[in-house]
Amino acid sequence: MASKRHLRKKMCTRKQRYLTMDDAQIGAGRINAVFKTHVFVYKCTFCKGWHVGHPPRIVRDQMIAKGVRV
């Protein structure tokens, strides 16, 4: 089982923190446009800010099944 410290490092520490969901959505839009990928906005349980990241595996698998480039 992963420790809370490991989870925080993976989910929060190395990522850009946005203060609002709107700011994070703007950042996600830029990343999606430049890299031609799909990243999502999510609320961080550790810092209570907003981050941008790749979708969970189950969502990625569903997107691939629909023919969406991930």
N, C-alpha and C. Protein backbone atom coordinates (compact mmCIF):
# COMPACT_ATOMS: atom_id res chain seq x y z
N MET A 1 0.85 -1.18 0.00
CA MET A 1 0.00 0.00 0.00
C MET A 1 0.89 1.24 0.00
N ALA A 2 0.53 2.22 -0.78
CA ALA A 2 1.32 3.43 -0.88
C ALA A 2 1.10 4.33 0.33
N SER A 3 2.17 4.97 0.75
CA SER A 3 2.06 5.87 1.88
C SER A 3 1.44 7.20 1.43
N LYS A 4 0.93 7.97 2.40
CA LYS A 4 0.36 9.28 2.07
C LYS A 4 1.42 10.20 1.49
N ARG A 5 2.63 10.09 1.99
CA ARG A 5 3.72 10.93 1.48
C ARG A 5 3.98 10.63 0.00
N HIS A 6 3.98 9.33 -0.34
CA HIS A 6 4.20 8.93 -1.73
C HIS A 6 3.06 9.43 -2.62
N LEU A 7 1.82 9.29 -2.16
CA LEU A 7 0.68 9.76 -2.93
C LEU A 7 0.72 11.27 -3.13
N ARG A 8 1.08 12.00 -2.08
CA ARG A 8 1.16 13.46 -2.20
C ARG A 8 2.23 13.86 -3.21
N LYS A 9 3.36 13.19 -3.16
CA LYS A 9 4.44 13.50 -4.10
C LYS A 9 3.99 13.24 -5.53
N LYS A 10 3.27 12.14 -5.73
CA LYS A 10 2.81 11.78 -7.06
C LYS A 10 1.69 12.70 -7.54
N MET A 11 0.76 13.01 -6.67
CA MET A 11 -0.44 13.75 -7.06
C MET A 11 -0.31 15.26 -6.96
N CYS A 12 0.57 15.75 -6.13
CA CYS A 12 0.51 17.17 -5.81
C CYS A 12 1.84 17.91 -5.95
N THR A 13 2.86 17.42 -5.33
CA THR A 13 4.10 18.17 -5.16
C THR A 13 4.72 18.66 -6.46
N ARG A 14 4.76 17.82 -7.47
CA ARG A 14 5.44 18.20 -8.70
C ARG A 14 4.53 18.85 -9.73
N LYS A 15 3.29 19.13 -9.38
CA LYS A 15 2.35 19.68 -10.36
C LYS A 15 2.08 21.16 -10.10
N GLN A 16 1.69 21.82 -11.17
CA GLN A 16 1.28 23.22 -11.09
C GLN A 16 -0.01 23.31 -10.29
N ARG A 17 -0.05 24.20 -9.32
CA ARG A 17 -1.26 24.39 -8.51
C ARG A 17 -2.00 25.62 -9.00
N TYR A 18 -3.27 25.44 -9.29
CA TYR A 18 -4.14 26.54 -9.70
C TYR A 18 -5.07 26.87 -8.54
N LEU A 19 -5.36 28.14 -8.35
CA LEU A 19 -6.23 28.55 -7.25
C LEU A 19 -7.70 28.33 -7.55
N THR A 20 -8.07 28.40 -8.82
CA THR A 20 -9.48 28.22 -9.18
C THR A 20 -9.61 27.17 -10.27
N MET A 21 -10.79 26.60 -10.37
CA MET A 21 -11.06 25.62 -11.40
C MET A 21 -10.98 26.26 -12.79
N ASP A 22 -11.42 27.50 -12.91
CA ASP A 22 -11.36 28.19 -14.20
C ASP A 22 -9.92 28.34 -14.69
N ASP A 23 -9.01 28.72 -13.79
CA ASP A 23 -7.61 28.83 -14.16
C ASP A 23 -7.04 27.48 -14.61
N ALA A 24 -7.41 26.43 -13.91
CA ALA A 24 -6.93 25.10 -14.26
C ALA A 24 -7.48 24.67 -15.61
N GLN A 25 -8.73 25.02 -15.91
CA GLN A 25 -9.31 24.67 -17.21
C GLN A 25 -8.62 25.40 -18.35
N ILE A 26 -8.21 26.62 -18.11
CA ILE A 26 -7.45 27.37 -19.13
C ILE A 26 -6.11 26.67 -19.37
N GLY A 27 -5.45 26.28 -18.28
CA GLY A 27 -4.18 25.57 -18.40
C GLY A 27 -4.34 24.24 -19.12
N ALA A 28 -5.41 23.52 -18.82
CA ALA A 28 -5.66 22.24 -19.48
C ALA A 28 -5.92 22.44 -20.96
N GLY A 29 -6.64 23.49 -21.30
CA GLY A 29 -6.90 23.78 -22.71
C GLY A 29 -5.62 24.04 -23.48
N ARG A 30 -4.71 24.76 -22.87
CA ARG A 30 -3.42 25.04 -23.51
C ARG A 30 -2.62 23.74 -23.71
N ILE A 31 -2.58 22.92 -22.68
CA ILE A 31 -1.84 21.65 -22.77
C ILE A 31 -2.46 20.77 -23.85
N ASN A 32 -3.79 20.67 -23.86
CA ASN A 32 -4.46 19.84 -24.86
C ASN A 32 -4.19 20.33 -26.28
N ALA A 33 -4.16 21.65 -26.47
CA ALA A 33 -3.93 22.21 -27.81
C ALA A 33 -2.48 21.99 -28.27
N VAL A 34 -1.54 22.22 -27.39
CA VAL A 34 -0.13 22.12 -27.77
C VAL A 34 0.29 20.67 -27.97
N PHE A 35 -0.08 19.80 -27.06
CA PHE A 35 0.40 18.42 -27.10
C PHE A 35 -0.58 17.45 -27.74
N LYS A 36 -1.73 17.93 -28.18
CA LYS A 36 -2.75 17.09 -28.82
C LYS A 36 -3.08 15.87 -27.96
N THR A 37 -3.38 16.12 -26.71
CA THR A 37 -3.69 15.08 -25.75
C THR A 37 -4.92 15.49 -24.96
N HIS A 38 -5.34 14.67 -24.04
CA HIS A 38 -6.48 14.98 -23.18
C HIS A 38 -6.04 14.95 -21.73
N VAL A 39 -6.07 16.09 -21.09
CA VAL A 39 -5.80 16.16 -19.66
C VAL A 39 -7.05 16.72 -18.99
N PHE A 40 -7.21 16.39 -17.73
CA PHE A 40 -8.40 16.76 -16.99
C PHE A 40 -8.03 17.60 -15.79
N VAL A 41 -8.99 18.36 -15.33
CA VAL A 41 -8.85 19.20 -14.15
C VAL A 41 -9.43 18.45 -12.96
N TYR A 42 -8.72 18.48 -11.84
CA TYR A 42 -9.24 17.83 -10.64
C TYR A 42 -8.84 18.59 -9.39
N LYS A 43 -9.66 18.49 -8.37
CA LYS A 43 -9.41 19.13 -7.08
C LYS A 43 -8.47 18.23 -6.28
N CYS A 44 -7.40 18.79 -5.77
CA CYS A 44 -6.41 18.03 -5.01
C CYS A 44 -6.87 17.86 -3.56
N THR A 45 -6.82 16.63 -3.09
CA THR A 45 -7.23 16.36 -1.71
C THR A 45 -6.17 16.78 -0.71
N PHE A 46 -4.94 17.00 -1.18
CA PHE A 46 -3.87 17.38 -0.26
C PHE A 46 -3.75 18.88 -0.08
N CYS A 47 -3.64 19.63 -1.18
CA CYS A 47 -3.41 21.08 -1.08
C CYS A 47 -4.69 21.90 -1.24
N LYS A 48 -5.79 21.24 -1.59
CA LYS A 48 -7.09 21.89 -1.79
C LYS A 48 -7.10 22.84 -2.99
N GLY A 49 -6.04 22.79 -3.80
CA GLY A 49 -5.99 23.57 -5.03
C GLY A 49 -6.49 22.71 -6.19
N TRP A 50 -6.24 23.18 -7.40
CA TRP A 50 -6.66 22.47 -8.61
C TRP A 50 -5.43 22.09 -9.41
N HIS A 51 -5.44 20.90 -9.98
CA HIS A 51 -4.35 20.41 -10.80
C HIS A 51 -4.88 19.94 -12.13
N VAL A 52 -3.96 19.74 -13.07
CA VAL A 52 -4.27 19.20 -14.38
C VAL A 52 -3.50 17.90 -14.51
N GLY A 53 -4.19 16.85 -14.96
CA GLY A 53 -3.52 15.56 -15.09
C GLY A 53 -4.24 14.67 -16.08
N HIS A 54 -3.61 13.55 -16.35
CA HIS A 54 -4.21 12.58 -17.25
C HIS A 54 -5.37 11.88 -16.57
N PRO A 55 -6.32 11.40 -17.36
CA PRO A 55 -7.48 10.74 -16.78
C PRO A 55 -7.12 9.39 -16.17
N PRO A 56 -7.95 8.91 -15.26
CA PRO A 56 -7.72 7.58 -14.69
C PRO A 56 -7.76 6.52 -15.80
N ARG A 57 -7.15 5.39 -15.55
CA ARG A 57 -7.02 4.33 -16.55
C ARG A 57 -8.38 3.90 -17.12
N ILE A 58 -9.39 3.76 -16.28
CA ILE A 58 -10.70 3.32 -16.78
C ILE A 58 -11.29 4.32 -17.76
N VAL A 59 -11.10 5.60 -17.51
CA VAL A 59 -11.60 6.63 -18.43
C VAL A 59 -10.78 6.60 -19.72
N ARG A 60 -9.47 6.44 -19.60
CA ARG A 60 -8.62 6.35 -20.80
C ARG A 60 -9.04 5.17 -21.67
N ASP A 61 -9.30 4.03 -21.05
CA ASP A 61 -9.70 2.84 -21.80
C ASP A 61 -11.02 3.07 -22.54
N GLN A 62 -11.96 3.77 -21.89
CA GLN A 62 -13.23 4.08 -22.54
C GLN A 62 -13.03 5.04 -23.71
N MET A 63 -12.13 6.00 -23.56
CA MET A 63 -11.86 6.95 -24.63
C MET A 63 -11.22 6.23 -25.82
N ILE A 64 -10.29 5.33 -25.55
CA ILE A 64 -9.63 4.57 -26.61
C ILE A 64 -10.65 3.71 -27.35
N ALA A 65 -11.57 3.10 -26.60
CA ALA A 65 -12.60 2.27 -27.22
C ALA A 65 -13.49 3.09 -28.16
N LYS A 66 -13.67 4.37 -27.86
CA LYS A 66 -14.49 5.24 -28.71
C LYS A 66 -13.68 5.81 -29.87
N GLY A 67 -12.38 5.56 -29.88
CA GLY A 67 -11.53 6.05 -30.96
C GLY A 67 -10.94 7.42 -30.72
N VAL A 68 -11.00 7.91 -29.49
CA VAL A 68 -10.42 9.21 -29.15
C VAL A 68 -8.93 9.02 -28.88
N ARG A 69 -8.12 9.90 -29.46
CA ARG A 69 -6.67 9.81 -29.24
C ARG A 69 -6.36 10.30 -27.84
N VAL A 70 -5.66 9.47 -27.08
CA VAL A 70 -5.33 9.81 -25.69
C VAL A 70 -3.86 10.07 -25.57
